[in-house]
Amino acid sequence: MIPITTFAGKRVAVFGLGTSGMLSARALIAGGAAVVACDDSGKSGAEAKAAGLNVQNLRELDWSKVAALILAPGVPLTHPKPHWAVDLARKHNVEIIGDIELFSRERAKVAPQAPFIAITGTNGKSTTTALTAHILRSAGFDSQMGGNIGVPILQLEPFAPKRCYVVEVSSYQIDLAPSLDPTVGILLNVSEDHLDRHGTMENYAAIKTRLVAGVEETAVVGVDDAYSRAAAEQVERAGKKVERISVLAPLRNGYYADGTRILHATAGKAREVAQLAGIDSLRGAHNAQNAACAIAAAVALGVDLPAVRKGLATFPGLAHRMQQIARKGNVLFVNDSKATNADSAAKALSSFSDIFWIAGGKPKTGGISSLVEFFPRIRKAYLIGEAANEFARTLDGKVPYEIVEVLSRAVDAAADDAAASGLKEPVVLLSPACASFDQYRNFEVRGDAFRALVLKLAGVKKEA
């Protein structure tokens, strides 16, 4: 845990006592602050009290003595309307910040030279974060990875010489981090998301841009969408170094993909810096973008290209994100349970041919009609969950399908059909294009269930 000493001797309110809120409270206490904790959930409050925290109703607090409100990222700050704790803090002119801001202030105070890479974007954050951390570790760095990817930032090891931090940051967290100043900031892309939280696309894009606007050294920005291109221009006008990234077209300056090759151009002269062919964990154009951003960040921290290439080649990928889990003969089984909407499923469908597709669950608005360009790649679909009938109507006459209702029947049927297909490398792909909540607690549980079902099949060999 990273003790937060920037509020030593001061009273701090913490609202939201999930994992990150509890860690914020403990880190503040470890650094000498007096913490008052609160949560709308009586259960969470009771658990925090049992853990030794000072739990009080913030409505009854003397706010004149409070230095800051530490807000959990999931608590509404602006939309659909501010939480009551936010209103109270604003009424008393108390600043409202989050755990990323606590980290940023502590780093500025005790270890301003500690390398800090922060990654955001609508899609690809987790893979880019994990890949960047892996490249740095393989190059000999003490690379701490956390943030929105699963390990709260304050749970990472304290600042130390030669220790660096690679952190995934959501728009919710950026909104609570006004002094966010990474050594290298990565903005992958911006597309419509979280408008219930941020109100408009303009607000959402502006919040994402703040991560790269505050960089100390280098902003790495994907420029394949209009919002991110505007962000790159804004940051460059402010005098910051910008490395542009594209997977759609060559760049005069920056990193771009040409098929599976990653090239770096300076004043129109390009050289190959990496080759992704044969790296199964980095299939597809979306992973070319992730890889190019990770390469740019690592190079910005001084990692040489041979070490970068070694890191790319040994990257195992992330669970539930186009994760190759097993083979049975020439049949490949891929777990892409993280694909909870059509846009995410499109990335997997574009990365394979001869697909035996397991799809369905709790449907999202728009269904799978946007995936029609990938239908020729699908040999048959196996439909599960609440979305099965809706998906069947979209596929009817275009893709053979079977409504199997549950994952176990889908795995058995898809495995049998793929094995009997005579195709060179048929792929049984779980990429549901749906949330999991009709049958599973979350996409991780769904992906774990798929993996377990596949590994029970006779003759299956687990991928390394």
Protein backbone atom coordinates (compact mmCIF):
# COMPACT_ATOMS: atom_id res chain seq x y z
CA MET A 1 0.00 0.00 0.00
CA ILE A 2 1.10 3.58 -0.73
CA PRO A 3 0.67 5.76 2.41
CA ILE A 4 -0.78 9.17 1.56
CA THR A 5 1.02 11.83 3.59
CA THR A 6 -0.27 14.90 1.74
CA PHE A 7 -3.22 15.16 4.15
CA ALA A 8 -1.26 14.42 7.33
CA GLY A 9 -2.85 16.13 10.33
CA LYS A 10 -6.01 17.00 8.38
CA ARG A 11 -9.55 15.62 8.43
CA VAL A 12 -10.65 13.91 5.24
CA ALA A 13 -14.06 12.48 4.33
CA VAL A 14 -14.21 9.31 2.24
CA PHE A 15 -17.46 8.36 0.53
CA GLY A 16 -17.96 4.98 -1.12
CA LEU A 17 -16.51 2.05 0.78
CA GLY A 18 -15.87 -0.48 -1.92
CA THR A 19 -12.35 -1.72 -2.60
CA SER A 20 -10.88 1.59 -3.77
CA GLY A 21 -12.67 3.62 -1.08
CA MET A 22 -11.47 1.36 1.71
CA LEU A 23 -7.91 1.51 0.39
CA SER A 24 -8.08 5.30 0.14
CA ALA A 25 -9.19 5.48 3.75
CA ARG A 26 -6.42 3.14 4.94
CA ALA A 27 -3.75 4.92 2.89
CA LEU A 28 -4.80 8.29 4.30
CA ILE A 29 -4.77 6.97 7.86
CA ALA A 30 -1.34 5.39 7.27
CA GLY A 31 -0.14 8.82 6.16
CA GLY A 32 -1.43 10.60 9.26
CA ALA A 33 -4.87 11.89 8.20
CA ALA A 34 -8.03 11.71 10.32
CA VAL A 35 -10.57 9.90 8.16
CA VAL A 36 -14.36 9.98 8.39
CA ALA A 37 -15.91 7.29 6.19
CA CYS A 38 -19.43 6.86 4.82
CA ASP A 39 -21.43 4.78 2.35
CA ASP A 40 -25.08 4.65 1.32
CA SER A 41 -24.98 0.91 1.90
CA GLY A 42 -25.50 -0.03 5.52
CA LYS A 43 -23.68 -3.29 4.91
CA SER A 44 -20.58 -1.54 3.54
CA GLY A 45 -20.64 0.92 6.40
CA ALA A 46 -20.89 -1.87 8.97
CA GLU A 47 -18.00 -3.74 7.35
CA ALA A 48 -15.87 -0.59 7.37
CA LYS A 49 -16.71 0.05 11.02
CA ALA A 50 -15.81 -3.54 11.88
CA ALA A 51 -12.50 -2.96 10.11
CA GLY A 52 -11.77 -0.09 12.47
CA LEU A 53 -12.75 2.94 10.37
CA ASN A 54 -14.52 5.96 11.82
CA VAL A 55 -17.90 5.65 10.06
CA GLN A 56 -20.24 8.63 10.33
CA ASN A 57 -23.17 10.14 8.47
CA LEU A 58 -21.62 12.92 6.40
CA ARG A 59 -24.86 14.89 6.64
CA GLU A 60 -24.03 15.41 10.32
CA LEU A 61 -20.37 16.32 9.76
CA ASP A 62 -18.83 19.71 10.51
CA TRP A 63 -17.62 20.39 6.97
CA SER A 64 -15.71 23.49 8.02
CA LYS A 65 -13.03 21.16 9.38
CA VAL A 66 -12.84 18.89 6.30
CA ALA A 67 -9.89 19.30 3.93
CA ALA A 68 -11.22 17.10 1.11
CA LEU A 69 -13.88 14.61 0.07
CA ILE A 70 -12.42 11.44 -1.45
CA LEU A 71 -15.11 10.05 -3.74
CA ALA A 72 -15.22 6.49 -5.05
CA PRO A 73 -15.20 6.64 -8.88
CA GLY A 74 -18.61 4.99 -9.23
CA VAL A 75 -20.40 7.68 -7.20
CA PRO A 76 -22.09 10.29 -9.47
CA LEU A 77 -20.13 13.54 -9.64
CA THR A 78 -22.20 15.47 -12.20
CA HIS A 79 -24.67 13.24 -14.08
CA PRO A 80 -27.43 12.18 -13.96
CA LYS A 81 -27.21 14.43 -10.90
CA PRO A 82 -24.53 14.94 -8.25
CA HIS A 83 -24.64 12.62 -5.27
CA TRP A 84 -25.81 14.26 -2.03
CA ALA A 85 -22.29 14.00 -0.58
CA VAL A 86 -20.99 15.92 -3.60
CA ASP A 87 -23.59 18.63 -3.04
CA LEU A 88 -22.56 18.93 0.61
CA ALA A 89 -18.88 19.22 -0.23
CA ARG A 90 -19.50 21.87 -2.88
CA LYS A 91 -21.76 23.82 -0.54
CA HIS A 92 -18.86 24.07 1.90
CA ASN A 93 -16.16 24.66 -0.77
CA VAL A 94 -14.47 21.34 -0.02
CA GLU A 95 -12.48 19.88 -2.91
CA ILE A 96 -13.66 16.55 -4.33
CA ILE A 97 -10.98 14.15 -5.56
CA GLY A 98 -10.33 10.42 -6.00
CA ASP A 99 -7.64 7.82 -5.47
CA ILE A 100 -5.75 8.67 -8.70
CA GLU A 101 -5.42 12.25 -7.45
CA LEU A 102 -4.14 11.03 -4.09
CA PHE A 103 -1.48 9.01 -5.91
CA SER A 104 -0.54 11.96 -8.14
CA ARG A 105 -0.09 14.33 -5.19
CA GLU A 106 1.92 11.81 -3.19
CA ARG A 107 4.17 11.12 -6.17
CA ALA A 108 4.74 14.86 -6.67
CA LYS A 109 5.68 15.18 -2.99
CA VAL A 110 7.93 12.17 -2.38
CA ALA A 111 8.99 10.71 -5.76
CA PRO A 112 8.48 13.18 -8.63
CA GLN A 113 10.95 11.29 -10.83
CA ALA A 114 9.11 7.96 -10.50
CA PRO A 115 8.08 6.89 -14.03
CA PHE A 116 4.29 6.93 -14.32
CA ILE A 117 2.41 5.76 -17.42
CA ALA A 118 -1.33 6.40 -17.44
CA ILE A 119 -3.58 4.81 -20.06
CA THR A 120 -7.13 5.69 -21.06
CA GLY A 121 -9.46 5.29 -24.03
CA THR A 122 -12.91 3.93 -24.73
CA ASN A 123 -11.57 0.55 -25.88
CA GLY A 124 -8.31 -1.33 -25.38
CA LYS A 125 -7.23 0.17 -22.05
CA SER A 126 -6.69 -3.07 -20.19
CA THR A 127 -4.75 -4.85 -22.93
CA THR A 128 -2.54 -1.80 -23.50
CA THR A 129 -1.92 -1.42 -19.77
CA ALA A 130 -1.02 -5.08 -19.34
CA LEU A 131 1.16 -5.11 -22.47
CA THR A 132 3.03 -1.95 -21.47
CA ALA A 133 3.68 -3.30 -17.98
CA HIS A 134 4.83 -6.63 -19.45
CA ILE A 135 7.27 -4.95 -21.87
CA LEU A 136 8.76 -2.90 -19.04
CA ARG A 137 9.07 -5.93 -16.74
CA SER A 138 10.74 -7.97 -19.49
CA ALA A 139 13.16 -5.05 -19.94
CA GLY A 140 14.13 -5.20 -16.26
CA PHE A 141 11.89 -2.53 -14.77
CA ASP A 142 10.13 -2.96 -11.42
CA SER A 143 6.79 -2.35 -13.09
CA GLN A 144 3.74 -1.92 -10.85
CA MET A 145 0.41 -2.33 -12.68
CA GLY A 146 -3.00 -1.27 -11.39
CA GLY A 147 -5.81 1.26 -11.44
CA ASN A 148 -9.00 0.46 -13.30
CA ILE A 149 -7.53 -2.84 -14.49
CA GLY A 150 -8.23 -4.52 -11.15
CA VAL A 151 -5.67 -3.59 -8.50
CA PRO A 152 -6.51 -0.16 -7.01
CA ILE A 153 -3.66 2.28 -7.48
CA LEU A 154 -3.07 2.78 -3.76
CA GLN A 155 -2.67 -0.98 -3.30
CA LEU A 156 0.53 -0.91 -5.38
CA GLU A 157 3.95 -1.03 -3.75
CA PRO A 158 5.23 2.28 -2.29
CA PHE A 159 7.54 4.56 -4.24
CA ALA A 160 11.11 3.28 -4.49
CA PRO A 161 14.15 3.84 -6.73
CA LYS A 162 13.75 2.34 -10.24
CA ARG A 163 10.08 1.48 -9.59
CA CYS A 164 7.59 2.56 -12.25
CA TYR A 165 3.79 2.60 -12.34
CA VAL A 166 1.58 1.58 -15.27
CA VAL A 167 -2.00 2.54 -14.52
CA GLU A 168 -5.29 2.15 -16.38
CA VAL A 169 -7.48 5.20 -15.74
CA SER A 170 -11.20 5.42 -16.50
CA SER A 171 -13.04 8.62 -17.36
CA TYR A 172 -14.66 8.45 -13.91
CA GLN A 173 -11.21 8.50 -12.31
CA ILE A 174 -9.85 11.27 -14.54
CA ASP A 175 -12.84 13.39 -13.54
CA LEU A 176 -11.59 13.18 -9.93
CA ALA A 177 -7.91 13.80 -10.68
CA PRO A 178 -7.34 17.49 -11.51
CA SER A 179 -3.54 17.33 -11.18
CA LEU A 180 -3.02 14.06 -13.07
CA ASP A 181 0.48 14.39 -14.57
CA PRO A 182 1.87 11.10 -15.87
CA THR A 183 5.34 10.90 -17.33
CA VAL A 184 3.73 9.33 -20.39
CA GLY A 185 0.01 9.48 -21.07
CA ILE A 186 -1.78 7.23 -23.58
CA LEU A 187 -5.14 8.09 -25.16
CA LEU A 188 -6.11 5.16 -27.36
CA ASN A 189 -9.43 6.27 -28.83
CA VAL A 190 -12.70 7.99 -28.01
CA SER A 191 -16.14 6.71 -29.02
CA GLU A 192 -19.58 7.04 -27.48
CA ASP A 193 -19.70 5.65 -23.94
CA HIS A 194 -20.74 6.62 -20.40
CA LEU A 195 -22.94 9.51 -21.53
CA ASP A 196 -25.21 8.80 -18.57
CA ARG A 197 -22.24 9.82 -16.42
CA HIS A 198 -20.76 12.67 -18.48
CA GLY A 199 -23.81 14.12 -20.25
CA THR A 200 -22.43 14.74 -23.75
CA MET A 201 -19.75 13.36 -26.04
CA GLU A 202 -17.96 16.70 -25.83
CA ASN A 203 -17.74 16.43 -22.03
CA TYR A 204 -16.64 12.80 -22.23
CA ALA A 205 -13.94 13.57 -24.81
CA ALA A 206 -12.72 16.58 -22.83
CA ILE A 207 -12.28 14.42 -19.72
CA LYS A 208 -10.34 11.80 -21.67
CA THR A 209 -8.15 14.54 -23.17
CA ARG A 210 -7.18 15.77 -19.70
CA LEU A 211 -5.06 12.65 -19.16
CA VAL A 212 -2.72 13.48 -22.06
CA ALA A 213 -2.95 17.25 -21.58
CA GLY A 214 -1.18 16.94 -18.22
CA VAL A 215 1.78 14.79 -19.31
CA GLU A 216 5.24 15.65 -18.08
CA GLU A 217 7.10 14.23 -21.10
CA THR A 218 5.15 12.45 -23.85
CA ALA A 219 1.53 12.12 -24.96
CA VAL A 220 0.79 8.99 -27.01
CA VAL A 221 -2.46 9.54 -28.90
CA GLY A 222 -4.39 7.33 -31.32
CA VAL A 223 -5.58 9.56 -34.14
CA ASP A 224 -8.05 7.32 -35.94
CA ASP A 225 -11.10 9.16 -34.57
CA ALA A 226 -11.96 12.85 -34.65
CA TYR A 227 -12.02 13.39 -30.88
CA SER A 228 -8.57 11.90 -30.39
CA ARG A 229 -7.12 13.81 -33.35
CA ALA A 230 -8.39 17.01 -31.77
CA ALA A 231 -6.80 15.96 -28.47
CA ALA A 232 -3.42 15.43 -30.16
CA GLU A 233 -3.60 18.86 -31.77
CA GLN A 234 -4.60 20.50 -28.49
CA VAL A 235 -1.75 18.91 -26.56
CA GLU A 236 0.77 19.73 -29.28
CA ARG A 237 -0.34 23.39 -29.38
CA ALA A 238 0.32 23.51 -25.63
CA GLY A 239 3.96 22.64 -26.32
CA LYS A 240 3.92 18.99 -25.25
CA LYS A 241 5.57 16.16 -27.18
CA VAL A 242 3.01 14.04 -29.02
CA GLU A 243 3.48 10.59 -30.56
CA ARG A 244 0.57 9.93 -32.91
CA ILE A 245 -0.67 6.36 -33.52
CA SER A 246 -2.72 5.04 -36.45
CA VAL A 247 -3.83 1.66 -37.73
CA LEU A 248 -5.79 3.16 -40.64
CA ALA A 249 -3.18 5.10 -42.58
CA PRO A 250 0.55 5.87 -42.71
CA LEU A 251 1.73 8.87 -40.70
CA ARG A 252 4.40 11.41 -41.55
CA ASN A 253 5.38 11.42 -37.87
CA GLY A 254 4.44 8.72 -35.38
CA TYR A 255 3.75 5.00 -35.15
CA TYR A 256 1.44 3.24 -37.59
CA ALA A 257 0.45 -0.28 -38.59
CA ASP A 258 0.91 -1.80 -42.03
CA GLY A 259 -0.78 -5.16 -41.67
CA THR A 260 1.09 -6.89 -38.87
CA ARG A 261 4.08 -4.53 -39.10
CA ILE A 262 4.46 -1.57 -36.75
CA LEU A 263 6.46 1.28 -38.25
CA HIS A 264 7.77 4.54 -36.84
CA ALA A 265 7.97 7.57 -39.13
CA THR A 266 9.98 10.75 -38.69
CA ALA A 267 9.53 13.51 -41.27
CA GLY A 268 8.04 10.97 -43.68
CA LYS A 269 10.81 8.39 -43.35
CA ALA A 270 9.56 5.15 -41.82
CA ARG A 271 11.31 2.11 -40.36
CA GLU A 272 9.87 -1.13 -39.02
CA VAL A 273 10.07 -1.35 -35.24
CA ALA A 274 8.06 -4.53 -34.60
CA GLN A 275 6.37 -7.45 -36.30
CA LEU A 276 3.19 -8.87 -34.74
CA ALA A 277 2.76 -11.85 -37.07
CA GLY A 278 2.76 -15.06 -35.06
CA ILE A 279 1.96 -13.34 -31.74
CA ASP A 280 -1.46 -14.89 -31.09
CA SER A 281 -2.21 -12.61 -28.13
CA LEU A 282 -1.97 -9.57 -30.41
CA ARG A 283 -4.16 -10.58 -33.35
CA GLY A 284 -6.25 -7.96 -35.12
CA ALA A 285 -6.10 -4.27 -35.98
CA HIS A 286 -7.28 -3.24 -32.53
CA ASN A 287 -4.34 -5.05 -30.97
CA ALA A 288 -2.00 -3.41 -33.49
CA GLN A 289 -3.15 -0.09 -32.04
CA ASN A 290 -2.66 -1.38 -28.50
CA ALA A 291 0.82 -2.63 -29.38
CA ALA A 292 1.85 0.58 -31.14
CA CYS A 293 0.81 2.64 -28.12
CA ALA A 294 2.67 0.33 -25.74
CA ILE A 295 5.78 0.47 -27.93
CA ALA A 296 5.68 4.28 -28.02
CA ALA A 297 5.33 4.46 -24.23
CA ALA A 298 8.15 2.00 -23.58
CA VAL A 299 10.49 3.78 -26.01
CA ALA A 300 9.63 7.10 -24.33
CA LEU A 301 10.90 5.61 -21.06
CA GLY A 302 14.15 4.54 -22.69
CA VAL A 303 13.49 0.86 -23.51
CA ASP A 304 15.45 -0.22 -26.58
CA LEU A 305 13.71 -1.92 -29.49
CA PRO A 306 15.18 -5.43 -28.98
CA ALA A 307 13.74 -5.43 -25.43
CA VAL A 308 10.42 -4.10 -26.74
CA ARG A 309 10.23 -6.91 -29.30
CA LYS A 310 11.02 -9.49 -26.64
CA GLY A 311 8.19 -8.15 -24.51
CA LEU A 312 5.73 -8.26 -27.41
CA ALA A 313 6.67 -11.82 -28.31
CA THR A 314 6.19 -13.09 -24.75
CA PHE A 315 2.96 -11.24 -23.93
CA PRO A 316 0.43 -13.83 -22.72
CA GLY A 317 -2.64 -11.66 -23.29
CA LEU A 318 -5.48 -11.06 -20.86
CA ALA A 319 -8.07 -13.52 -19.67
CA HIS A 320 -11.43 -13.21 -21.44
CA ARG A 321 -10.04 -10.98 -24.22
CA MET A 322 -9.47 -13.11 -27.33
CA GLN A 323 -7.78 -15.60 -25.01
CA GLN A 324 -6.69 -18.78 -26.79
CA ILE A 325 -7.39 -21.46 -24.24
CA ALA A 326 -7.16 -24.86 -25.95
CA ARG A 327 -7.02 -26.91 -29.13
CA LYS A 328 -8.67 -30.15 -30.09
CA GLY A 329 -6.93 -31.38 -33.18
CA ASN A 330 -7.00 -28.41 -35.52
CA VAL A 331 -9.90 -26.69 -33.69
CA LEU A 332 -8.95 -23.58 -31.72
CA PHE A 333 -11.07 -22.46 -28.74
CA VAL A 334 -11.06 -18.73 -27.96
CA ASN A 335 -12.53 -17.03 -24.89
CA ASP A 336 -13.63 -13.47 -25.67
CA SER A 337 -16.22 -13.19 -22.90
CA LYS A 338 -15.21 -9.54 -22.36
CA ALA A 339 -17.04 -8.73 -25.62
CA THR A 340 -20.23 -7.50 -23.98
CA ASN A 341 -21.45 -5.48 -26.96
CA ALA A 342 -21.36 -5.69 -30.75
CA ASP A 343 -18.46 -3.25 -31.12
CA SER A 344 -16.28 -5.45 -28.91
CA ALA A 345 -17.36 -8.65 -30.67
CA ALA A 346 -16.47 -7.08 -34.03
CA LYS A 347 -12.79 -7.06 -33.07
CA ALA A 348 -12.75 -10.82 -32.52
CA LEU A 349 -14.88 -11.60 -35.57
CA SER A 350 -12.49 -9.54 -37.71
CA SER A 351 -9.49 -11.46 -36.40
CA PHE A 352 -10.51 -15.01 -37.37
CA SER A 353 -12.00 -16.87 -40.34
CA ASP A 354 -14.10 -20.05 -40.23
CA ILE A 355 -15.79 -19.15 -36.95
CA PHE A 356 -18.19 -21.29 -34.96
CA TRP A 357 -19.63 -18.42 -32.95
CA ILE A 358 -21.17 -18.64 -29.48
CA ALA A 359 -23.18 -15.48 -28.88
CA GLY A 360 -25.97 -14.17 -26.71
CA GLY A 361 -26.78 -13.23 -23.15
CA LYS A 362 -28.45 -10.08 -21.89
CA PRO A 363 -28.81 -7.96 -25.05
CA LYS A 364 -27.53 -4.43 -25.54
CA THR A 365 -29.28 -1.74 -27.56
CA GLY A 366 -28.72 -2.28 -31.29
CA GLY A 367 -28.20 -6.02 -31.11
CA ILE A 368 -25.79 -7.47 -33.69
CA SER A 369 -27.04 -5.79 -36.87
CA SER A 370 -23.79 -3.79 -37.04
CA LEU A 371 -21.83 -7.05 -37.42
CA VAL A 372 -23.27 -7.96 -40.83
CA GLU A 373 -19.92 -7.39 -42.60
CA PHE A 374 -18.44 -10.25 -40.57
CA PHE A 375 -21.24 -12.75 -41.24
CA PRO A 376 -19.34 -14.40 -44.15
CA ARG A 377 -16.67 -15.43 -41.64
CA ILE A 378 -19.18 -17.29 -39.46
CA ARG A 379 -19.82 -20.91 -40.38
CA LYS A 380 -22.51 -21.32 -37.73
CA ALA A 381 -23.79 -19.48 -34.67
CA TYR A 382 -24.87 -21.01 -31.36
CA LEU A 383 -27.24 -18.68 -29.52
CA ILE A 384 -27.68 -18.54 -25.76
CA GLY A 385 -29.52 -16.48 -23.18
CA GLU A 386 -32.14 -13.78 -23.47
CA ALA A 387 -30.82 -12.46 -26.78
CA ALA A 388 -31.13 -15.79 -28.65
CA ASN A 389 -34.39 -15.07 -30.46
CA GLU A 390 -33.43 -11.49 -31.34
CA PHE A 391 -30.05 -12.63 -32.70
CA ALA A 392 -31.74 -15.44 -34.64
CA ARG A 393 -33.93 -12.91 -36.46
CA THR A 394 -30.85 -10.90 -37.45
CA LEU A 395 -28.96 -13.99 -38.64
CA ASP A 396 -31.89 -15.65 -40.42
CA GLY A 397 -31.08 -16.33 -44.06
CA LYS A 398 -27.54 -15.02 -43.67
CA VAL A 399 -25.78 -17.34 -41.17
CA PRO A 400 -26.75 -20.87 -40.10
CA TYR A 401 -27.66 -20.84 -36.43
CA GLU A 402 -28.97 -22.98 -33.61
CA ILE A 403 -30.69 -21.77 -30.46
CA VAL A 404 -29.04 -23.84 -27.73
CA GLU A 405 -30.00 -21.61 -24.75
CA VAL A 406 -27.10 -22.47 -22.44
CA LEU A 407 -23.32 -22.40 -22.73
CA SER A 408 -22.75 -26.09 -22.09
CA ARG A 409 -24.83 -27.12 -25.10
CA ALA A 410 -23.20 -24.40 -27.19
CA VAL A 411 -19.69 -25.69 -26.44
CA ASP A 412 -20.60 -29.29 -27.21
CA ALA A 413 -22.37 -28.45 -30.47
CA ALA A 414 -19.77 -25.98 -31.69
CA ALA A 415 -16.89 -28.34 -30.89
CA ASP A 416 -18.55 -31.22 -32.77
CA ASP A 417 -19.41 -29.10 -35.81
CA ALA A 418 -15.97 -27.50 -35.97
CA ALA A 419 -14.24 -30.89 -35.77
CA ALA A 420 -16.43 -32.27 -38.56
CA SER A 421 -16.09 -29.23 -40.81
CA GLY A 422 -12.91 -30.26 -42.61
CA LEU A 423 -11.65 -26.68 -42.37
CA LYS A 424 -7.95 -25.94 -41.90
CA GLU A 425 -8.28 -24.04 -38.59
CA PRO A 426 -11.86 -23.71 -37.42
CA VAL A 427 -12.31 -21.49 -34.38
CA VAL A 428 -14.89 -21.98 -31.64
CA LEU A 429 -15.29 -18.42 -30.46
CA LEU A 430 -17.14 -17.21 -27.38
CA SER A 431 -17.67 -13.53 -28.17
CA PRO A 432 -21.19 -12.95 -26.87
CA ALA A 433 -21.91 -9.33 -27.92
CA CYS A 434 -24.03 -9.25 -24.75
CA ALA A 435 -23.82 -8.68 -21.04
CA SER A 436 -23.71 -11.82 -18.93
CA PHE A 437 -26.24 -10.93 -16.25
CA ASP A 438 -29.08 -13.16 -17.46
CA GLN A 439 -27.07 -16.31 -16.66
CA TYR A 440 -23.77 -15.26 -15.02
CA ARG A 441 -22.70 -12.74 -12.37
CA ASN A 442 -20.20 -11.08 -14.72
CA PHE A 443 -18.23 -11.69 -17.90
CA GLU A 444 -15.34 -13.22 -15.92
CA VAL A 445 -17.57 -15.94 -14.50
CA ARG A 446 -18.99 -16.58 -17.98
CA GLY A 447 -15.50 -16.84 -19.45
CA ASP A 448 -14.33 -19.16 -16.68
CA ALA A 449 -17.37 -21.38 -17.31
CA PHE A 450 -16.52 -21.55 -21.02
CA ARG A 451 -12.91 -22.44 -20.26
CA ALA A 452 -13.95 -25.19 -17.84
CA LEU A 453 -16.40 -26.67 -20.36
CA VAL A 454 -13.78 -26.68 -23.13
CA LEU A 455 -11.10 -28.30 -20.96
CA LYS A 456 -13.54 -31.12 -20.12
CA LEU A 457 -13.82 -32.11 -23.78
CA ALA A 458 -12.07 -35.34 -24.69
CA GLY A 459 -8.79 -34.86 -26.54
CA VAL A 460 -8.39 -31.19 -25.72
CA LYS A 461 -4.90 -29.79 -25.22
CA LYS A 462 -4.57 -26.62 -23.14
CA GLU A 463 -2.73 -23.73 -24.78
CA ALA A 464 0.50 -22.68 -23.06
